[in-house]
Amino acid sequence: MFGAKTWELKALLEEKKEKPEKQVSNKKKESNKKTDETNEDDKKSKLLKMLAESGEEQSHKENEQRIAKLMKSVDSLIEKIELDANKKAVPLPLEKMETYLKEQEIDDRTAKLYVEKVSEKLKNNPTIEEEHVNESIRSLIENQISVMGPIKTEDKKIICVVGPTGVGKTSTLAKIGWEYTKKDRTIGFITTDTFRSGAKEQLEQLAKKMDAETMVANSAKELKEAIHYFQNVNKVDHILIDTVGRNPLVDESVSSVKEYLETAKPKNEKEMLTCLVLSSTSKVRDLKETLNRFKEVKIDSLIFTKLDETLNIGSLLNVFNFTKLPLLYVTDGQDITKNIYAPTKRMLSEKILKKEAKLEGKILA
C-alpha cells in the first residue's frame, strides 16, 4: 500500500509488541500510561506522514481511520501470537494417542475431547507415561459404550433382525440359532426376504445344519400364520425372523419393516427382541442416517458385523454419540458355529486400543 515505505511501517508496528509488565508503583503506572499515550500519538503522526509521502490522495481524517483500523488488527494479531506462545505443548504420549484415535476413524471431536480430559486429569503428574494415557482413554471409551450382555436362554421367544441390505442379517441370525441348539433349545426360522435372489435357499441350508425348519412369509398375514405354526404345531422354543434388507433412505421400506414387526409382536412384548444389524465397514454418516430412519421401529439392541473386514472399528464407538441403544453382539466372520460374541466394555476398549486384541464374549446366559 505504501510502496517503498512498507519496511518503515513494519518496523513501526513492531513497536506495538510490549514486554510483560512488571509490578510498579501507581505513580510509575500513571507515568507509563502518559508515555504510552504520547507514543500512540507519535506513531499516528509518523504513519500520517508516511501516508502523505506515499503519494496517496486521501484526507487527513480518512488516513486516521485507516491507521486506527490497521493498528487494531496488529494488536489482535500480536495478542493471538502471544497467547499461542504461552500455550503448553501437548505431551508426546497424548499427541500420539490423539493421532491413533483419529486413525481408528473415531470422530475428530471425540478424539480431541478425550485427550483434553486426560490432559486435565494428568496435569499435576511430573511425567505423563503412555500407560497412564492408555488407561485413562480406556476408561473414557468404556464410559461411552453401552452393552446389553448375553441373552438369558429362556427369555426371548421371538428374535428379529432388521437393517440395511448386505450387512449380514441372515448369517447373524443363523449364528444365534446355532448357540440355541448348543443349549438343546429347539428353533424355527422365518424369512420375509422374498426379493433377494437365493435368500430363502441360503437360510434353508443354514437351518439344515441345526435340524431346524424354515418358512417363508410373503406378507404380514403369512408371517402371522408362520408364527402360529411354530408356536402351536411345531412347538419350538424360539422363533428367529429374518426380515428383508431395506434401503434406510426410503421411508416406505422402513414402514414395511414396522408392519412386519407389529404382526410378530407377542402378547408379552418382553418375550420379543428386535436387533438392528449394522456393518462396521459403513461410514459414520450412513450409520447415523440408518439409526435415524429406523427410529419409528421399536429397536431393542444393536449388532455390529464384519469386524474382520476393517482395520479400524472407530465407527462402532462413534455410533454411541447419537444413540442410547445397547450393543448386543459383534461378528467377525461367516462361520455360523463361531464368529459371534456378546462383548463386554473392556473387550471393546481393548480392541479399539489394540488392533490385535481377540474378540470374546458369551452369547447366551
Protein backbone atom coordinates (compact mmCIF):
# COMPACT_ATOMS: atom_id res chain seq x y z
CA MET A 1 0.00 0.00 0.00
CA PHE A 2 2.85 2.36 0.84
CA GLY A 3 5.33 1.32 -1.81
CA ALA A 4 8.96 1.89 -0.71
CA LYS A 5 7.85 2.90 2.77
CA THR A 6 6.50 -0.59 3.62
CA TRP A 7 9.57 -1.60 5.63
CA GLU A 8 9.27 1.54 7.77
CA LEU A 9 5.62 0.72 8.54
CA LYS A 10 6.51 -2.81 9.60
CA ALA A 11 9.20 -1.52 11.95
CA LEU A 12 6.80 0.98 13.43
CA LEU A 13 4.10 -1.64 14.02
CA GLU A 14 6.62 -3.98 15.63
CA GLU A 15 6.96 -1.40 18.39
CA LYS A 16 3.38 -2.26 19.37
CA LYS A 17 4.51 -5.58 20.87
CA GLU A 18 5.14 -4.81 24.54
CA LYS A 19 7.20 -6.73 27.01
CA PRO A 20 5.45 -8.33 30.08
CA GLU A 21 4.71 -5.62 32.62
CA LYS A 22 6.42 -5.94 35.99
CA GLN A 23 4.84 -4.78 39.24
CA VAL A 24 5.29 -1.00 39.56
CA SER A 25 4.01 1.74 41.79
CA ASN A 26 0.82 3.67 41.00
CA LYS A 27 2.82 6.79 40.17
CA LYS A 28 5.02 4.87 37.78
CA LYS A 29 1.96 3.25 36.19
CA GLU A 30 0.42 6.70 35.65
CA SER A 31 3.68 7.91 34.15
CA ASN A 32 3.82 4.85 31.87
CA LYS A 33 0.22 5.46 30.78
CA LYS A 34 1.02 9.04 29.75
CA THR A 35 4.13 7.84 27.95
CA ASP A 36 2.07 5.21 26.09
CA GLU A 37 -0.48 7.83 25.05
CA THR A 38 2.33 10.07 23.81
CA ASN A 39 3.84 7.14 21.90
CA GLU A 40 0.46 6.33 20.31
CA ASP A 41 0.09 9.93 19.12
CA ASP A 42 3.69 9.91 17.87
CA LYS A 43 3.15 6.70 15.93
CA LYS A 44 -0.05 8.02 14.38
CA SER A 45 1.78 11.18 13.32
CA LYS A 46 4.55 9.12 11.73
CA LEU A 47 2.03 6.94 9.91
CA LEU A 48 0.13 10.01 8.66
CA LYS A 49 3.40 11.44 7.37
CA MET A 50 4.24 8.17 5.63
CA LEU A 51 0.81 8.06 4.01
CA ALA A 52 1.24 11.62 2.81
CA GLU A 53 4.70 10.83 1.39
CA SER A 54 3.35 7.70 -0.32
CA GLY A 55 1.53 9.96 -2.74
CA GLU A 56 -1.96 8.64 -1.99
CA GLU A 57 -4.60 11.32 -2.21
CA GLN A 58 -6.57 10.78 0.99
CA SER A 59 -7.91 13.25 3.51
CA HIS A 60 -6.31 13.52 6.94
CA LYS A 61 -9.46 12.06 8.52
CA GLU A 62 -9.56 9.09 6.12
CA ASN A 63 -5.90 8.34 6.82
CA GLU A 64 -6.50 8.43 10.56
CA GLN A 65 -9.37 5.94 10.17
CA ARG A 66 -7.23 3.63 8.08
CA ILE A 67 -4.41 3.78 10.61
CA ALA A 68 -6.73 3.09 13.54
CA LYS A 69 -8.15 0.06 11.77
CA LEU A 70 -4.69 -1.20 10.84
CA MET A 71 -3.28 -0.76 14.35
CA LYS A 72 -6.28 -2.56 15.84
CA SER A 73 -5.65 -5.55 13.54
CA VAL A 74 -2.00 -5.60 14.50
CA ASP A 75 -2.88 -5.52 18.20
CA SER A 76 -5.20 -8.51 17.75
CA LEU A 77 -2.56 -10.41 15.81
CA ILE A 78 0.11 -9.77 18.45
CA GLU A 79 -2.29 -10.83 21.20
CA LYS A 80 -3.00 -14.11 19.38
CA ILE A 81 0.69 -14.80 18.80
CA GLU A 82 1.48 -14.22 22.47
CA LEU A 83 -1.45 -16.42 23.52
CA ASP A 84 -0.29 -19.26 21.27
CA ALA A 85 3.25 -18.90 22.53
CA ASN A 86 2.09 -19.21 26.14
CA LYS A 87 0.11 -22.38 25.48
CA LYS A 88 1.71 -25.51 26.86
CA ALA A 89 2.75 -28.02 24.23
CA VAL A 90 0.69 -31.22 24.25
CA PRO A 91 2.79 -34.00 25.84
CA LEU A 92 4.01 -36.52 23.25
CA PRO A 93 2.02 -39.52 24.63
CA LEU A 94 -1.21 -37.50 24.38
CA GLU A 95 -0.34 -36.25 20.91
CA LYS A 96 0.34 -39.82 19.77
CA MET A 97 -2.93 -41.03 21.29
CA GLU A 98 -5.00 -38.36 19.52
CA THR A 99 -3.37 -39.31 16.20
CA TYR A 100 -4.06 -43.01 16.85
CA LEU A 101 -7.73 -42.43 17.72
CA LYS A 102 -8.25 -40.45 14.52
CA GLU A 103 -6.54 -43.20 12.52
CA GLN A 104 -9.09 -45.58 14.03
CA GLU A 105 -11.69 -43.30 12.38
CA ILE A 106 -13.01 -42.11 15.71
CA ASP A 107 -14.72 -38.76 15.31
CA ASP A 108 -12.17 -35.90 15.47
CA ARG A 109 -14.15 -34.04 18.13
CA THR A 110 -14.40 -37.17 20.28
CA ALA A 111 -10.66 -37.83 19.97
CA LYS A 112 -9.84 -34.24 20.88
CA LEU A 113 -12.25 -34.25 23.83
CA TYR A 114 -10.74 -37.48 25.17
CA VAL A 115 -7.22 -36.05 25.01
CA GLU A 116 -8.29 -32.79 26.67
CA LYS A 117 -9.93 -34.68 29.55
CA VAL A 118 -6.88 -36.88 30.07
CA SER A 119 -4.59 -33.85 29.88
CA GLU A 120 -6.60 -32.15 32.61
CA LYS A 121 -6.63 -35.30 34.72
CA LEU A 122 -2.86 -35.79 34.48
CA LYS A 123 -1.80 -32.13 34.57
CA ASN A 124 -0.21 -32.43 38.02
CA ASN A 125 1.82 -35.52 37.10
CA PRO A 126 5.54 -34.71 36.81
CA THR A 127 5.74 -37.06 33.82
CA ILE A 128 3.00 -38.46 31.58
CA GLU A 129 3.62 -42.05 30.56
CA GLU A 130 1.87 -43.89 27.72
CA GLU A 131 0.42 -46.46 30.11
CA HIS A 132 -1.29 -43.70 32.13
CA VAL A 133 -2.73 -42.21 28.95
CA ASN A 134 -3.92 -45.62 27.68
CA GLU A 135 -5.70 -46.46 30.91
CA SER A 136 -7.40 -43.05 31.09
CA ILE A 137 -8.52 -43.25 27.46
CA ARG A 138 -9.76 -46.81 28.04
CA SER A 139 -11.92 -45.56 30.90
CA LEU A 140 -13.45 -42.82 28.71
CA ILE A 141 -14.21 -45.32 25.93
CA GLU A 142 -15.91 -47.72 28.34
CA ASN A 143 -18.00 -44.90 29.80
CA GLN A 144 -19.27 -44.06 26.31
CA ILE A 145 -20.16 -47.62 25.29
CA SER A 146 -23.42 -49.31 26.26
CA VAL A 147 -23.64 -53.13 26.10
CA MET A 148 -26.61 -55.43 26.64
CA GLY A 149 -24.81 -58.60 27.64
CA PRO A 150 -25.74 -62.18 26.68
CA ILE A 151 -29.44 -63.12 26.34
CA LYS A 152 -30.87 -65.38 29.01
CA THR A 153 -31.61 -68.64 27.21
CA GLU A 154 -35.30 -68.85 28.12
CA ASP A 155 -36.15 -65.12 27.99
CA LYS A 156 -36.63 -64.32 24.31
CA LYS A 157 -39.16 -66.43 22.41
CA ILE A 158 -39.03 -64.35 19.22
CA ILE A 159 -35.89 -62.73 17.84
CA CYS A 160 -35.99 -60.46 14.77
CA VAL A 161 -33.12 -58.92 12.85
CA VAL A 162 -33.65 -55.78 10.76
CA GLY A 163 -31.34 -53.47 8.88
CA PRO A 164 -29.98 -52.34 5.51
CA THR A 165 -29.17 -54.74 2.69
CA GLY A 166 -25.86 -56.56 2.71
CA VAL A 167 -24.96 -56.17 6.40
CA GLY A 168 -25.12 -59.90 7.18
CA LYS A 169 -28.51 -60.30 8.86
CA THR A 170 -29.12 -63.90 7.67
CA SER A 171 -25.78 -65.32 8.78
CA THR A 172 -26.01 -63.42 12.08
CA LEU A 173 -29.43 -64.92 12.79
CA ALA A 174 -28.10 -68.39 11.95
CA LYS A 175 -25.24 -67.87 14.44
CA ILE A 176 -27.75 -67.01 17.18
CA GLY A 177 -29.76 -70.11 16.23
CA TRP A 178 -26.64 -72.27 16.47
CA GLU A 179 -26.00 -71.03 20.01
CA TYR A 180 -29.57 -72.01 20.99
CA THR A 181 -29.17 -75.52 19.59
CA LYS A 182 -25.96 -75.91 21.63
CA LYS A 183 -28.16 -75.28 24.68
CA ASP A 184 -30.60 -78.00 23.49
CA ARG A 185 -33.26 -75.42 22.59
CA THR A 186 -35.47 -76.01 19.53
CA ILE A 187 -35.73 -73.27 16.91
CA GLY A 188 -37.67 -72.34 13.78
CA PHE A 189 -36.69 -69.81 11.10
CA ILE A 190 -38.99 -67.45 9.20
CA THR A 191 -37.78 -65.26 6.34
CA THR A 192 -39.68 -62.35 4.82
CA ASP A 193 -36.90 -61.81 2.26
CA THR A 194 -38.54 -62.89 -0.98
CA PHE A 195 -36.77 -60.23 -3.07
CA ARG A 196 -33.09 -61.14 -2.79
CA SER A 197 -32.09 -63.97 -5.10
CA GLY A 198 -31.21 -67.10 -3.15
CA ALA A 199 -32.17 -65.62 0.23
CA LYS A 200 -34.64 -68.42 1.05
CA GLU A 201 -32.23 -71.12 -0.11
CA GLN A 202 -29.37 -69.62 1.94
CA LEU A 203 -31.40 -69.70 5.15
CA GLU A 204 -32.69 -73.22 4.45
CA GLN A 205 -29.14 -74.53 4.00
CA LEU A 206 -28.04 -72.92 7.27
CA ALA A 207 -31.14 -74.21 9.08
CA LYS A 208 -30.43 -77.80 7.95
CA LYS A 209 -27.18 -77.76 9.90
CA MET A 210 -29.29 -77.19 13.01
CA ASP A 211 -32.07 -79.59 12.04
CA ALA A 212 -34.43 -76.63 12.01
CA GLU A 213 -37.40 -75.86 9.77
CA THR A 214 -37.68 -72.73 7.62
CA MET A 215 -40.86 -70.95 6.50
CA VAL A 216 -41.32 -68.09 4.04
CA ALA A 217 -43.71 -65.17 4.65
CA ASN A 218 -44.61 -63.03 1.65
CA SER A 219 -46.86 -60.72 3.67
CA ALA A 220 -47.67 -59.69 7.23
CA LYS A 221 -50.60 -62.14 7.16
CA GLU A 222 -48.34 -65.05 6.16
CA LEU A 223 -45.88 -64.04 8.88
CA LYS A 224 -48.65 -64.29 11.46
CA GLU A 225 -49.58 -67.75 10.15
CA ALA A 226 -45.95 -68.93 10.26
CA ILE A 227 -45.56 -67.76 13.86
CA HIS A 228 -48.79 -69.56 14.79
CA TYR A 229 -47.47 -72.74 13.15
CA PHE A 230 -44.20 -72.71 15.10
CA GLN A 231 -45.95 -71.89 18.38
CA ASN A 232 -48.81 -74.38 18.15
CA VAL A 233 -47.85 -77.13 15.66
CA ASN A 234 -44.07 -77.47 15.62
CA LYS A 235 -43.92 -76.01 19.15
CA VAL A 236 -40.36 -74.73 19.06
CA ASP A 237 -38.71 -72.88 21.93
CA HIS A 238 -37.59 -69.90 19.84
CA ILE A 239 -38.68 -68.31 16.55
CA LEU A 240 -35.98 -66.46 14.62
CA ILE A 241 -37.22 -63.97 11.99
CA ASP A 242 -35.02 -62.71 9.14
CA THR A 243 -36.54 -59.58 7.59
CA VAL A 244 -35.85 -58.37 4.09
CA GLY A 245 -32.98 -55.92 3.77
CA ARG A 246 -34.29 -52.40 3.35
CA ASN A 247 -32.89 -49.17 2.00
CA PRO A 248 -32.92 -46.90 5.07
CA LEU A 249 -33.07 -43.83 2.81
CA VAL A 250 -36.56 -44.83 1.61
CA ASP A 251 -39.32 -44.21 4.15
CA GLU A 252 -41.65 -46.81 2.60
CA SER A 253 -39.06 -49.55 3.11
CA VAL A 254 -38.75 -48.89 6.84
CA SER A 255 -42.53 -48.62 7.19
CA SER A 256 -42.99 -52.13 5.77
CA VAL A 257 -40.49 -53.49 8.34
CA LYS A 258 -42.52 -51.81 11.07
CA GLU A 259 -45.68 -53.56 9.80
CA TYR A 260 -44.00 -56.99 9.94
CA LEU A 261 -42.72 -56.38 13.48
CA GLU A 262 -46.14 -55.28 14.71
CA THR A 263 -47.53 -58.56 13.39
CA ALA A 264 -44.78 -60.62 15.07
CA LYS A 265 -45.20 -58.95 18.46
CA PRO A 266 -46.37 -61.44 21.12
CA LYS A 267 -48.82 -60.67 23.93
CA ASN A 268 -45.91 -60.38 26.31
CA GLU A 269 -43.69 -57.87 24.49
CA LYS A 270 -40.73 -58.73 26.75
CA GLU A 271 -40.50 -62.11 25.02
CA MET A 272 -39.54 -60.45 21.72
CA LEU A 273 -36.14 -58.96 20.86
CA THR A 274 -35.56 -56.80 17.78
CA CYS A 275 -31.96 -56.17 16.72
CA LEU A 276 -30.77 -53.57 14.24
CA VAL A 277 -27.82 -55.05 12.33
CA LEU A 278 -25.12 -52.63 11.15
CA SER A 279 -21.83 -53.14 9.36
CA SER A 280 -18.61 -51.89 10.97
CA THR A 281 -17.37 -51.06 7.45
CA SER A 282 -20.08 -48.41 6.96
CA LYS A 283 -19.39 -44.69 7.04
CA VAL A 284 -20.37 -42.89 10.23
CA ARG A 285 -22.70 -40.60 8.28
CA ASP A 286 -24.54 -43.62 6.83
CA LEU A 287 -24.79 -45.31 10.24
CA LYS A 288 -26.29 -42.16 11.73
CA GLU A 289 -28.83 -41.89 8.91
CA THR A 290 -29.79 -45.56 9.28
CA LEU A 291 -30.42 -45.14 13.01
CA ASN A 292 -32.43 -42.01 12.34
CA ARG A 293 -34.64 -43.76 9.75
CA PHE A 294 -35.28 -46.77 11.98
CA LYS A 295 -36.43 -44.57 14.88
CA GLU A 296 -40.07 -45.34 14.07
CA VAL A 297 -39.34 -49.04 14.60
CA LYS A 298 -39.04 -50.36 18.16
CA ILE A 299 -35.39 -51.47 18.27
CA ASP A 300 -34.03 -53.14 21.41
CA SER A 301 -30.35 -53.53 20.60
CA LEU A 302 -27.57 -53.25 18.02
CA ILE A 303 -25.45 -55.89 16.32
CA PHE A 304 -22.23 -54.90 14.54
CA THR A 305 -20.98 -57.24 11.83
CA LYS A 306 -17.85 -57.60 9.66
CA LEU A 307 -15.28 -56.58 12.23
CA ASP A 308 -12.89 -58.82 10.29
CA GLU A 309 -13.31 -56.68 7.17
CA THR A 310 -11.91 -53.47 8.59
CA LEU A 311 -8.71 -52.44 10.35
CA ASN A 312 -10.46 -49.60 12.14
CA ILE A 313 -13.56 -50.06 14.31
CA GLY A 314 -13.87 -46.45 15.38
CA SER A 315 -17.28 -46.30 13.69
CA LEU A 316 -18.59 -48.62 16.40
CA LEU A 317 -17.61 -46.10 19.09
CA ASN A 318 -18.92 -43.15 17.06
CA VAL A 319 -22.43 -44.65 17.00
CA PHE A 320 -22.77 -44.08 20.73
CA ASN A 321 -22.52 -40.33 20.09
CA PHE A 322 -26.05 -40.40 18.70
CA THR A 323 -27.87 -43.42 20.17
CA LYS A 324 -28.56 -44.89 23.60
CA LEU A 325 -29.27 -48.36 22.19
CA PRO A 326 -27.06 -51.05 23.76
CA LEU A 327 -24.76 -53.30 21.75
CA LEU A 328 -25.77 -56.97 21.94
CA TYR A 329 -23.41 -58.80 19.57
CA VAL A 330 -20.46 -58.29 17.24
CA THR A 331 -19.42 -60.71 14.48
CA ASP A 332 -16.18 -61.23 12.58
CA GLY A 333 -16.68 -63.99 10.01
CA GLN A 334 -19.09 -66.26 8.09
CA ASP A 335 -18.82 -69.46 10.14
CA ILE A 336 -22.17 -69.89 11.93
CA THR A 337 -20.60 -72.13 14.59
CA LYS A 338 -18.46 -69.23 15.85
CA ASN A 339 -17.55 -65.64 14.91
CA ILE A 340 -20.21 -64.07 17.14
CA TYR A 341 -19.67 -62.54 20.58
CA ALA A 342 -21.58 -60.65 23.27
CA PRO A 343 -18.81 -58.16 24.06
CA THR A 344 -18.01 -56.54 27.37
CA LYS A 345 -17.00 -52.90 27.59
CA ARG A 346 -13.46 -53.98 28.44
CA MET A 347 -13.23 -56.23 25.38
CA LEU A 348 -14.33 -53.41 23.08
CA SER A 349 -11.97 -50.83 24.59
CA GLU A 350 -9.16 -53.38 24.30
CA LYS A 351 -10.00 -53.99 20.63
CA ILE A 352 -10.08 -50.26 19.86
CA LEU A 353 -6.76 -49.56 21.58
CA LYS A 354 -5.06 -52.76 20.37
CA LYS A 355 -5.98 -53.93 16.89
CA GLU A 356 -4.57 -57.40 17.54
CA ALA A 357 -6.78 -57.95 20.61
CA LYS A 358 -9.04 -61.00 20.34
CA LEU A 359 -12.83 -60.83 20.41
CA GLU A 360 -14.68 -62.78 23.05
CA GLY A 361 -17.99 -62.85 24.89
CA LYS A 362 -20.55 -65.47 25.90
CA ILE A 363 -23.62 -65.44 23.59
CA LEU A 364 -26.28 -66.91 25.87
CA ALA A 365 -26.54 -66.81 29.64
